[in-house]
Amino acid sequence: MAVGFGLILYLSTGQATLQLAAPNQVRGRLMALWAMTLSASAPIGHLLAGQAVVWLGVVNVLILAASGCGLVAIVLLLAAPVGNTEDKGLAEHLPA
């Protein structure tokens, strides 16, 4: 249940952030790419994970996937701007 909650939280937050950050002129095209990426990534990932399980075993594939997620999280944390930035985020889109 927690995995489903995390997935829905990620998808709704990611889509809302993308829509708010995209300029009006390209929002439709950008959301089309978002939808195509989400639709295509799952079947490809399932095929790759299935073959990896045959070669490495379930436990090793899960450890590898978790390590990859952790590595991406660390890279994103290190790449995030620190301190006060000019961007006000979603606050600039809210009505006064």
PDB file of N, CA and C in Angstrom:
ATOM      1  N   MET A   1       0.815  -1.180   0.000  1.00  0.00           N
ATOM      2  CA  MET A   1       0.000   0.000   0.000  1.00  0.00           C
ATOM      3  C   MET A   1       0.866   1.254   0.000  1.00  0.00           C
ATOM      4  N   ALA A   2       1.967   1.225   0.729  1.00  0.00           N
ATOM      5  CA  ALA A   2       2.857   2.378   0.773  1.00  0.00           C
ATOM      6  C   ALA A   2       3.493   2.633  -0.594  1.00  0.00           C
ATOM      7  N   VAL A   3       3.768   1.562  -1.324  1.00  0.00           N
ATOM      8  CA  VAL A   3       4.356   1.721  -2.655  1.00  0.00           C
ATOM      9  C   VAL A   3       3.363   2.411  -3.586  1.00  0.00           C
ATOM     10  N   GLY A   4       2.103   2.001  -3.519  1.00  0.00           N
ATOM     11  CA  GLY A   4       1.072   2.632  -4.333  1.00  0.00           C
ATOM     12  C   GLY A   4       0.898   4.095  -3.980  1.00  0.00           C
ATOM     13  N   PHE A   5       0.930   4.407  -2.689  1.00  0.00           N
ATOM     14  CA  PHE A   5       0.832   5.799  -2.250  1.00  0.00           C
ATOM     15  C   PHE A   5       1.999   6.619  -2.787  1.00  0.00           C
ATOM     16  N   GLY A   6       3.198   6.067  -2.700  1.00  0.00           N
ATOM     17  CA  GLY A   6       4.379   6.773  -3.207  1.00  0.00           C
ATOM     18  C   GLY A   6       4.310   6.986  -4.706  1.00  0.00           C
ATOM     19  N   LEU A   7       3.820   5.996  -5.431  1.00  0.00           N
ATOM     20  CA  LEU A   7       3.702   6.115  -6.879  1.00  0.00           C
ATOM     21  C   LEU A   7       2.720   7.216  -7.262  1.00  0.00           C
ATOM     22  N   ILE A   8       1.549   7.216  -6.638  1.00  0.00           N
ATOM     23  CA  ILE A   8       0.550   8.243  -6.929  1.00  0.00           C
ATOM     24  C   ILE A   8       1.071   9.617  -6.523  1.00  0.00           C
ATOM     25  N   LEU A   9       1.737   9.702  -5.401  1.00  0.00           N
ATOM     26  CA  LEU A   9       2.305  10.978  -4.955  1.00  0.00           C
ATOM     27  C   LEU A   9       3.324  11.494  -5.955  1.00  0.00           C
ATOM     28  N   TYR A  10       4.203  10.610  -6.434  1.00  0.00           N
ATOM     29  CA  TYR A  10       5.202  11.010  -7.423  1.00  0.00           C
ATOM     30  C   TYR A  10       4.543  11.456  -8.724  1.00  0.00           C
ATOM     31  N   LEU A  11       3.607  10.668  -9.225  1.00  0.00           N
ATOM     32  CA  LEU A  11       2.992  10.983 -10.514  1.00  0.00           C
ATOM     33  C   LEU A  11       2.211  12.291 -10.465  1.00  0.00           C
ATOM     34  N   SER A  12       1.418  12.490  -9.433  1.00  0.00           N
ATOM     35  CA  SER A  12       0.614  13.714  -9.360  1.00  0.00           C
ATOM     36  C   SER A  12       1.492  14.938  -9.114  1.00  0.00           C
ATOM     37  N   THR A  13       2.489  14.822  -8.246  1.00  0.00           N
ATOM     38  CA  THR A  13       3.381  15.948  -7.981  1.00  0.00           C
ATOM     39  C   THR A  13       4.236  16.264  -9.201  1.00  0.00           C
ATOM     40  N   GLY A  14       4.765  15.243  -9.839  1.00  0.00           N
ATOM     41  CA  GLY A  14       5.592  15.463 -11.031  1.00  0.00           C
ATOM     42  C   GLY A  14       4.820  16.103 -12.160  1.00  0.00           C
ATOM     43  N   GLN A  15       3.608  15.626 -12.402  1.00  0.00           N
ATOM     44  CA  GLN A  15       2.803  16.180 -13.486  1.00  0.00           C
ATOM     45  C   GLN A  15       2.390  17.615 -13.173  1.00  0.00           C
ATOM     46  N   ALA A  16       1.986  17.893 -11.950  1.00  0.00           N
ATOM     47  CA  ALA A  16       1.590  19.257 -11.581  1.00  0.00           C
ATOM     48  C   ALA A  16       2.768  20.217 -11.687  1.00  0.00           C
ATOM     49  N   THR A  17       3.927  19.793 -11.228  1.00  0.00           N
ATOM     50  CA  THR A  17       5.115  20.642 -11.307  1.00  0.00           C
ATOM     51  C   THR A  17       5.489  20.928 -12.751  1.00  0.00           C
ATOM     52  N   LEU A  18       5.428  19.910 -13.583  1.00  0.00           N
ATOM     53  CA  LEU A  18       5.745  20.087 -14.994  1.00  0.00           C
ATOM     54  C   LEU A  18       4.768  21.038 -15.660  1.00  0.00           C
ATOM     55  N   GLN A  19       3.474  20.893 -15.374  1.00  0.00           N
ATOM     56  CA  GLN A  19       2.476  21.767 -15.975  1.00  0.00           C
ATOM     57  C   GLN A  19       2.646  23.216 -15.532  1.00  0.00           C
ATOM     58  N   LEU A  20       2.954  23.425 -14.270  1.00  0.00           N
ATOM     59  CA  LEU A  20       3.116  24.785 -13.773  1.00  0.00           C
ATOM     60  C   LEU A  20       4.397  25.443 -14.278  1.00  0.00           C
ATOM     61  N   ALA A  21       5.428  24.646 -14.496  1.00  0.00           N
ATOM     62  CA  ALA A  21       6.711  25.205 -14.925  1.00  0.00           C
ATOM     63  C   ALA A  21       6.789  25.417 -16.432  1.00  0.00           C
ATOM     64  N   ALA A  22       5.954  24.747 -17.194  1.00  0.00           N
ATOM     65  CA  ALA A  22       6.037  24.824 -18.658  1.00  0.00           C
ATOM     66  C   ALA A  22       5.379  26.105 -19.171  1.00  0.00           C
ATOM     67  N   PRO A  23       6.007  26.745 -20.156  1.00  0.00           N
ATOM     68  CA  PRO A  23       5.361  27.906 -20.785  1.00  0.00           C
ATOM     69  C   PRO A  23       4.096  27.477 -21.519  1.00  0.00           C
ATOM     70  N   ASN A  24       3.147  28.388 -21.636  1.00  0.00           N
ATOM     71  CA  ASN A  24       1.865  28.063 -22.284  1.00  0.00           C
ATOM     72  C   ASN A  24       2.046  27.542 -23.702  1.00  0.00           C
ATOM     73  N   GLN A  25       3.031  28.048 -24.429  1.00  0.00           N
ATOM     74  CA  GLN A  25       3.220  27.698 -25.836  1.00  0.00           C
ATOM     75  C   GLN A  25       3.594  26.237 -26.034  1.00  0.00           C
ATOM     76  N   VAL A  26       4.246  25.618 -25.069  1.00  0.00           N
ATOM     77  CA  VAL A  26       4.739  24.247 -25.249  1.00  0.00           C
ATOM     78  C   VAL A  26       4.137  23.250 -24.257  1.00  0.00           C
ATOM     79  N   ARG A  27       3.178  23.689 -23.456  1.00  0.00           N
ATOM     80  CA  ARG A  27       2.655  22.821 -22.397  1.00  0.00           C
ATOM     81  C   ARG A  27       2.032  21.544 -22.963  1.00  0.00           C
ATOM     82  N   GLY A  28       1.265  21.650 -24.026  1.00  0.00           N
ATOM     83  CA  GLY A  28       0.629  20.463 -24.610  1.00  0.00           C
ATOM     84  C   GLY A  28       1.643  19.459 -25.127  1.00  0.00           C
ATOM     85  N   ARG A  29       2.648  19.955 -25.827  1.00  0.00           N
ATOM     86  CA  ARG A  29       3.685  19.057 -26.356  1.00  0.00           C
ATOM     87  C   ARG A  29       4.479  18.409 -25.231  1.00  0.00           C
ATOM     88  N   LEU A  30       4.764  19.185 -24.204  1.00  0.00           N
ATOM     89  CA  LEU A  30       5.527  18.662 -23.074  1.00  0.00           C
ATOM     90  C   LEU A  30       4.738  17.588 -22.329  1.00  0.00           C
ATOM     91  N   MET A  31       3.445  17.800 -22.151  1.00  0.00           N
ATOM     92  CA  MET A  31       2.629  16.806 -21.468  1.00  0.00           C
ATOM     93  C   MET A  31       2.455  15.554 -22.327  1.00  0.00           C
ATOM     94  N   ALA A  32       2.460  15.714 -23.660  1.00  0.00           N
ATOM     95  CA  ALA A  32       2.428  14.539 -24.540  1.00  0.00           C
ATOM     96  C   ALA A  32       3.694  13.703 -24.364  1.00  0.00           C
ATOM     97  N   LEU A  33       4.842  14.349 -24.263  1.00  0.00           N
ATOM     98  CA  LEU A  33       6.100  13.625 -24.018  1.00  0.00           C
ATOM     99  C   LEU A  33       6.073  12.939 -22.655  1.00  0.00           C
ATOM    100  N   TRP A  34       5.520  13.619 -21.654  1.00  0.00           N
ATOM    101  CA  TRP A  34       5.386  13.038 -20.312  1.00  0.00           C
ATOM    102  C   TRP A  34       4.562  11.745 -20.384  1.00  0.00           C
ATOM    103  N   ALA A  35       3.426  11.805 -21.064  1.00  0.00           N
ATOM    104  CA  ALA A  35       2.547  10.635 -21.166  1.00  0.00           C
ATOM    105  C   ALA A  35       3.212   9.508 -21.949  1.00  0.00           C
ATOM    106  N   MET A  36       3.890   9.841 -23.046  1.00  0.00           N
ATOM    107  CA  MET A  36       4.570   8.803 -23.836  1.00  0.00           C
ATOM    108  C   MET A  36       5.693   8.155 -23.043  1.00  0.00           C
ATOM    109  N   THR A  37       6.428   8.945 -22.283  1.00  0.00           N
ATOM    110  CA  THR A  37       7.524   8.407 -21.481  1.00  0.00           C
ATOM    111  C   THR A  37       6.991   7.453 -20.416  1.00  0.00           C
ATOM    112  N   LEU A  38       5.924   7.849 -19.734  1.00  0.00           N
ATOM    113  CA  LEU A  38       5.349   6.974 -18.711  1.00  0.00           C
ATOM    114  C   LEU A  38       4.779   5.698 -19.315  1.00  0.00           C
ATOM    115  N   SER A  39       4.151   5.818 -20.477  1.00  0.00           N
ATOM    116  CA  SER A  39       3.552   4.648 -21.115  1.00  0.00           C
ATOM    117  C   SER A  39       4.591   3.661 -21.624  1.00  0.00           C
ATOM    118  N   ALA A  40       5.694   4.161 -22.136  1.00  0.00           N
ATOM    119  CA  ALA A  40       6.705   3.294 -22.746  1.00  0.00           C
ATOM    120  C   ALA A  40       7.714   2.750 -21.745  1.00  0.00           C
ATOM    121  N   SER A  41       7.932   3.454 -20.652  1.00  0.00           N
ATOM    122  CA  SER A  41       8.990   3.028 -19.742  1.00  0.00           C
ATOM    123  C   SER A  41       8.633   1.762 -18.966  1.00  0.00           C
ATOM    124  N   ALA A  42       7.380   1.573 -18.601  1.00  0.00           N
ATOM    125  CA  ALA A  42       7.012   0.399 -17.797  1.00  0.00           C
ATOM    126  C   ALA A  42       7.206  -0.918 -18.551  1.00  0.00           C
ATOM    127  N   PRO A  43       6.682  -1.084 -19.770  1.00  0.00           N
ATOM    128  CA  PRO A  43       6.890  -2.370 -20.452  1.00  0.00           C
ATOM    129  C   PRO A  43       8.362  -2.659 -20.738  1.00  0.00           C
ATOM    130  N   ILE A  44       9.113  -1.646 -21.103  1.00  0.00           N
ATOM    131  CA  ILE A  44      10.547  -1.843 -21.367  1.00  0.00           C
ATOM    132  C   ILE A  44      11.261  -2.231 -20.077  1.00  0.00           C
ATOM    133  N   GLY A  45      10.928  -1.555 -18.989  1.00  0.00           N
ATOM    134  CA  GLY A  45      11.531  -1.878 -17.696  1.00  0.00           C
ATOM    135  C   GLY A  45      11.192  -3.279 -17.234  1.00  0.00           C
ATOM    136  N   HIS A  46       9.964  -3.707 -17.485  1.00  0.00           N
ATOM    137  CA  HIS A  46       9.564  -5.066 -17.089  1.00  0.00           C
ATOM    138  C   HIS A  46      10.333  -6.121 -17.884  1.00  0.00           C
ATOM    139  N   LEU A  47      10.509  -5.886 -19.171  1.00  0.00           N
ATOM    140  CA  LEU A  47      11.282  -6.829 -19.983  1.00  0.00           C
ATOM    141  C   LEU A  47      12.731  -6.918 -19.501  1.00  0.00           C
ATOM    142  N   LEU A  48      13.330  -5.759 -19.240  1.00  0.00           N
ATOM    143  CA  LEU A  48      14.727  -5.752 -18.781  1.00  0.00           C
ATOM    144  C   LEU A  48      14.867  -6.386 -17.399  1.00  0.00           C
ATOM    145  N   ALA A  49      13.944  -6.067 -16.502  1.00  0.00           N
ATOM    146  CA  ALA A  49      14.012  -6.638 -15.155  1.00  0.00           C
ATOM    147  C   ALA A  49      13.793  -8.146 -15.185  1.00  0.00           C
ATOM    148  N   GLY A  50      12.888  -8.617 -16.030  1.00  0.00           N
ATOM    149  CA  GLY A  50      12.649 -10.055 -16.140  1.00  0.00           C
ATOM    150  C   GLY A  50      13.880 -10.802 -16.606  1.00  0.00           C
ATOM    151  N   GLN A  51      14.557 -10.269 -17.602  1.00  0.00           N
ATOM    152  CA  GLN A  51      15.777 -10.923 -18.087  1.00  0.00           C
ATOM    153  C   GLN A  51      16.891 -10.839 -17.048  1.00  0.00           C
ATOM    154  N   ALA A  52      16.966  -9.716 -16.334  1.00  0.00           N
ATOM    155  CA  ALA A  52      17.982  -9.585 -15.284  1.00  0.00           C
ATOM    156  C   ALA A  52      17.748 -10.595 -14.169  1.00  0.00           C
ATOM    157  N   VAL A  53      16.490 -10.898 -13.846  1.00  0.00           N
ATOM    158  CA  VAL A  53      16.183 -11.890 -12.815  1.00  0.00           C
ATOM    159  C   VAL A  53      16.654 -13.273 -13.253  1.00  0.00           C
ATOM    160  N   VAL A  54      16.497 -13.571 -14.533  1.00  0.00           N
ATOM    161  CA  VAL A  54      16.962 -14.867 -15.038  1.00  0.00           C
ATOM    162  C   VAL A  54      18.475 -14.988 -14.852  1.00  0.00           C
ATOM    163  N   TRP A  55      19.200 -13.918 -15.136  1.00  0.00           N
ATOM    164  CA  TRP A  55      20.663 -13.954 -15.058  1.00  0.00           C
ATOM    165  C   TRP A  55      21.191 -13.824 -13.627  1.00  0.00           C
ATOM    166  N   LEU A  56      20.588 -12.918 -12.830  1.00  0.00           N
ATOM    167  CA  LEU A  56      21.167 -12.554 -11.533  1.00  0.00           C
ATOM    168  C   LEU A  56      20.389 -13.055 -10.323  1.00  0.00           C
ATOM    169  N   GLY A  57      19.124 -13.364 -10.484  1.00  0.00           N
ATOM    170  CA  GLY A  57      18.281 -13.746  -9.354  1.00  0.00           C
ATOM    171  C   GLY A  57      17.492 -12.545  -8.835  1.00  0.00           C
ATOM    172  N   VAL A  58      16.385 -12.848  -8.170  1.00  0.00           N
ATOM    173  CA  VAL A  58      15.465 -11.810  -7.717  1.00  0.00           C
ATOM    174  C   VAL A  58      16.120 -10.870  -6.706  1.00  0.00           C
ATOM    175  N   VAL A  59      16.763 -11.438  -5.706  1.00  0.00           N
ATOM    176  CA  VAL A  59      17.345 -10.612  -4.639  1.00  0.00           C
ATOM    177  C   VAL A  59      18.389  -9.658  -5.209  1.00  0.00           C
ATOM    178  N   ASN A  60      19.252 -10.143  -6.084  1.00  0.00           N
ATOM    179  CA  ASN A  60      20.295  -9.289  -6.648  1.00  0.00           C
ATOM    180  C   ASN A  60      19.714  -8.174  -7.519  1.00  0.00           C
ATOM    181  N   VAL A  61      18.659  -8.478  -8.253  1.00  0.00           N
ATOM    182  CA  VAL A  61      18.024  -7.445  -9.084  1.00  0.00           C
ATOM    183  C   VAL A  61      17.381  -6.381  -8.203  1.00  0.00           C
ATOM    184  N   LEU A  62      16.724  -6.796  -7.129  1.00  0.00           N
ATOM    185  CA  LEU A  62      16.127  -5.821  -6.220  1.00  0.00           C
ATOM    186  C   LEU A  62      17.184  -4.953  -5.550  1.00  0.00           C
ATOM    187  N   ILE A  63      18.299  -5.550  -5.166  1.00  0.00           N
ATOM    188  CA  ILE A  63      19.402  -4.779  -4.573  1.00  0.00           C
ATOM    189  C   ILE A  63      19.963  -3.801  -5.593  1.00  0.00           C
ATOM    190  N   LEU A  64      20.121  -4.252  -6.820  1.00  0.00           N
ATOM    191  CA  LEU A  64      20.629  -3.383  -7.887  1.00  0.00           C
ATOM    192  C   LEU A  64      19.675  -2.222  -8.159  1.00  0.00           C
ATOM    193  N   ALA A  65      18.374  -2.503  -8.218  1.00  0.00           N
ATOM    194  CA  ALA A  65      17.382  -1.446  -8.463  1.00  0.00           C
ATOM    195  C   ALA A  65      17.359  -0.442  -7.313  1.00  0.00           C
ATOM    196  N   ALA A  66      17.406  -0.931  -6.082  1.00  0.00           N
ATOM    197  CA  ALA A  66      17.411  -0.032  -4.924  1.00  0.00           C
ATOM    198  C   ALA A  66      18.677   0.815  -4.896  1.00  0.00           C
ATOM    199  N   SER A  67      19.795   0.220  -5.259  1.00  0.00           N
ATOM    200  CA  SER A  67      21.055   0.975  -5.311  1.00  0.00           C
ATOM    201  C   SER A  67      20.989   2.067  -6.368  1.00  0.00           C
ATOM    202  N   GLY A  68      20.392   1.751  -7.509  1.00  0.00           N
ATOM    203  CA  GLY A  68      20.236   2.752  -8.558  1.00  0.00           C
ATOM    204  C   GLY A  68      19.362   3.909  -8.116  1.00  0.00           C
ATOM    205  N   CYS A  69      18.264   3.603  -7.434  1.00  0.00           N
ATOM    206  CA  CYS A  69      17.386   4.661  -6.915  1.00  0.00           C
ATOM    207  C   CYS A  69      18.114   5.522  -5.884  1.00  0.00           C
ATOM    208  N   GLY A  70      18.853   4.880  -5.006  1.00  0.00           N
ATOM    209  CA  GLY A  70      19.619   5.624  -4.008  1.00  0.00           C
ATOM    210  C   GLY A  70      20.669   6.514  -4.635  1.00  0.00           C
ATOM    211  N   LEU A  71      21.339   6.015  -5.665  1.00  0.00           N
ATOM    212  CA  LEU A  71      22.360   6.797  -6.353  1.00  0.00           C
ATOM    213  C   LEU A  71      21.749   8.024  -7.026  1.00  0.00           C
ATOM    214  N   VAL A  72      20.612   7.836  -7.667  1.00  0.00           N
ATOM    215  CA  VAL A  72      19.930   8.972  -8.305  1.00  0.00           C
ATOM    216  C   VAL A  72      19.514   9.993  -7.251  1.00  0.00           C
ATOM    217  N   ALA A  73      19.004   9.535  -6.112  1.00  0.00           N
ATOM    218  CA  ALA A  73      18.602  10.450  -5.045  1.00  0.00           C
ATOM    219  C   ALA A  73      19.794  11.253  -4.529  1.00  0.00           C
ATOM    220  N   ILE A  74      20.931  10.604  -4.360  1.00  0.00           N
ATOM    221  CA  ILE A  74      22.134  11.306  -3.892  1.00  0.00           C
ATOM    222  C   ILE A  74      22.588  12.335  -4.912  1.00  0.00           C
ATOM    223  N   VAL A  75      22.601  11.970  -6.187  1.00  0.00           N
ATOM    224  CA  VAL A  75      23.009  12.907  -7.238  1.00  0.00           C
ATOM    225  C   VAL A  75      22.073  14.116  -7.267  1.00  0.00           C
ATOM    226  N   LEU A  76      20.767  13.878  -7.157  1.00  0.00           N
ATOM    227  CA  LEU A  76      19.816  14.989  -7.163  1.00  0.00           C
ATOM    228  C   LEU A  76      19.977  15.885  -5.945  1.00  0.00           C
ATOM    229  N   LEU A  77      20.244  15.302  -4.803  1.00  0.00           N
ATOM    230  CA  LEU A  77      20.475  16.111  -3.607  1.00  0.00           C
ATOM    231  C   LEU A  77      21.734  16.959  -3.733  1.00  0.00           C
ATOM    232  N   LEU A  78      22.767  16.390  -4.308  1.00  0.00           N
ATOM    233  CA  LEU A  78      24.015  17.140  -4.478  1.00  0.00           C
ATOM    234  C   LEU A  78      23.882  18.210  -5.555  1.00  0.00           C
ATOM    235  N   ALA A  79      23.039  17.983  -6.541  1.00  0.00           N
ATOM    236  CA  ALA A  79      22.875  18.939  -7.636  1.00  0.00           C
ATOM    237  C   ALA A  79      21.875  20.039  -7.307  1.00  0.00           C
ATOM    238  N   ALA A  80      21.100  19.888  -6.240  1.00  0.00           N
ATOM    239  CA  ALA A  80      20.076  20.876  -5.893  1.00  0.00           C
ATOM    240  C   ALA A  80      20.727  22.173  -5.449  1.00  0.00           C
ATOM    241  N   PRO A  81      20.144  23.303  -5.840  1.00  0.00           N
ATOM    242  CA  PRO A  81      20.701  24.584  -5.395  1.00  0.00           C
ATOM    243  C   PRO A  81      20.555  24.741  -3.888  1.00  0.00           C
ATOM    244  N   VAL A  82      21.547  25.364  -3.281  1.00  0.00           N
ATOM    245  CA  VAL A  82      21.557  25.551  -1.840  1.00  0.00           C
ATOM    246  C   VAL A  82      21.372  27.035  -1.544  1.00  0.00           C
ATOM    247  N   GLY A  83      20.597  27.334  -0.526  1.00  0.00           N
ATOM    248  CA  GLY A  83      20.412  28.724  -0.131  1.00  0.00           C
ATOM    249  C   GLY A  83      19.233  29.361  -0.829  1.00  0.00           C
ATOM    250  N   ASN A  84      19.174  30.673  -0.728  1.00  0.00           N
ATOM    251  CA  ASN A  84      18.078  31.435  -1.303  1.00  0.00           C
ATOM    252  C   ASN A  84      18.279  31.583  -2.802  1.00  0.00           C
ATOM    253  N   THR A  85      17.275  31.198  -3.570  1.00  0.00           N
ATOM    254  CA  THR A  85      17.361  31.344  -5.019  1.00  0.00           C
ATOM    255  C   THR A  85      16.327  32.345  -5.486  1.00  0.00           C
ATOM    256  N   GLU A  86      16.443  32.784  -6.711  1.00  0.00           N
ATOM    257  CA  GLU A  86      15.517  33.756  -7.282  1.00  0.00           C
ATOM    258  C   GLU A  86      14.145  33.152  -7.532  1.00  0.00           C
ATOM    259  N   ASP A  87      14.087  31.862  -7.812  1.00  0.00           N
ATOM    260  CA  ASP A  87      12.836  31.203  -8.146  1.00  0.00           C
ATOM    261  C   ASP A  87      11.944  31.079  -6.923  1.00  0.00           C
ATOM    262  N   LYS A  88      10.709  31.536  -7.035  1.00  0.00           N
ATOM    263  CA  LYS A  88       9.771  31.450  -5.936  1.00  0.00           C
ATOM    264  C   LYS A  88       8.953  30.170  -5.996  1.00  0.00           C
ATOM    265  N   GLY A  89       9.212  29.349  -6.992  1.00  0.00           N
ATOM    266  CA  GLY A  89       8.509  28.081  -7.117  1.00  0.00           C
ATOM    267  C   GLY A  89       7.051  28.267  -7.460  1.00  0.00           C
ATOM    268  N   LEU A  90       6.190  27.531  -6.802  1.00  0.00           N
ATOM    269  CA  LEU A  90       4.777  27.562  -7.106  1.00  0.00           C
ATOM    270  C   LEU A  90       4.103  28.831  -6.593  1.00  0.00           C
ATOM    271  N   ALA A  91       4.736  29.558  -5.681  1.00  0.00           N
ATOM    272  CA  ALA A  91       4.126  30.748  -5.106  1.00  0.00           C
ATOM    273  C   ALA A  91       3.805  31.798  -6.163  1.00  0.00           C
ATOM    274  N   GLU A  92       4.599  31.897  -7.201  1.00  0.00           N
ATOM    275  CA  GLU A  92       4.352  32.902  -8.224  1.00  0.00           C
ATOM    276  C   GLU A  92       3.139  32.576  -9.081  1.00  0.00           C
ATOM    277  N   HIS A  93       2.672  31.327  -9.051  1.00  0.00           N
ATOM    278  CA  HIS A  93       1.518  30.921  -9.838  1.00  0.00           C
ATOM    279  C   HIS A  93       0.209  31.037  -9.063  1.00  0.00           C
ATOM    280  N   LEU A  94       0.293  31.234  -7.756  1.00  0.00           N
ATOM    281  CA  LEU A  94      -0.909  31.308  -6.944  1.00  0.00           C
ATOM    282  C   LEU A  94      -1.515  32.703  -7.001  1.00  0.00           C
ATOM    283  N   PRO A  95      -2.833  32.803  -6.929  1.00  0.00           N
ATOM    284  CA  PRO A  95      -3.442  34.131  -6.936  1.00  0.00           C
ATOM    285  C   PRO A  95      -3.106  34.896  -5.661  1.00  0.00           C
ATOM    286  N   ALA A  96      -3.059  36.202  -5.776  1.00  0.00           N
ATOM    287  CA  ALA A  96      -2.692  37.038  -4.633  1.00  0.00           C
ATOM    288  C   ALA A  96      -3.805  37.162  -3.622  1.00  0.00           C
TER     289      ALA A  96
END
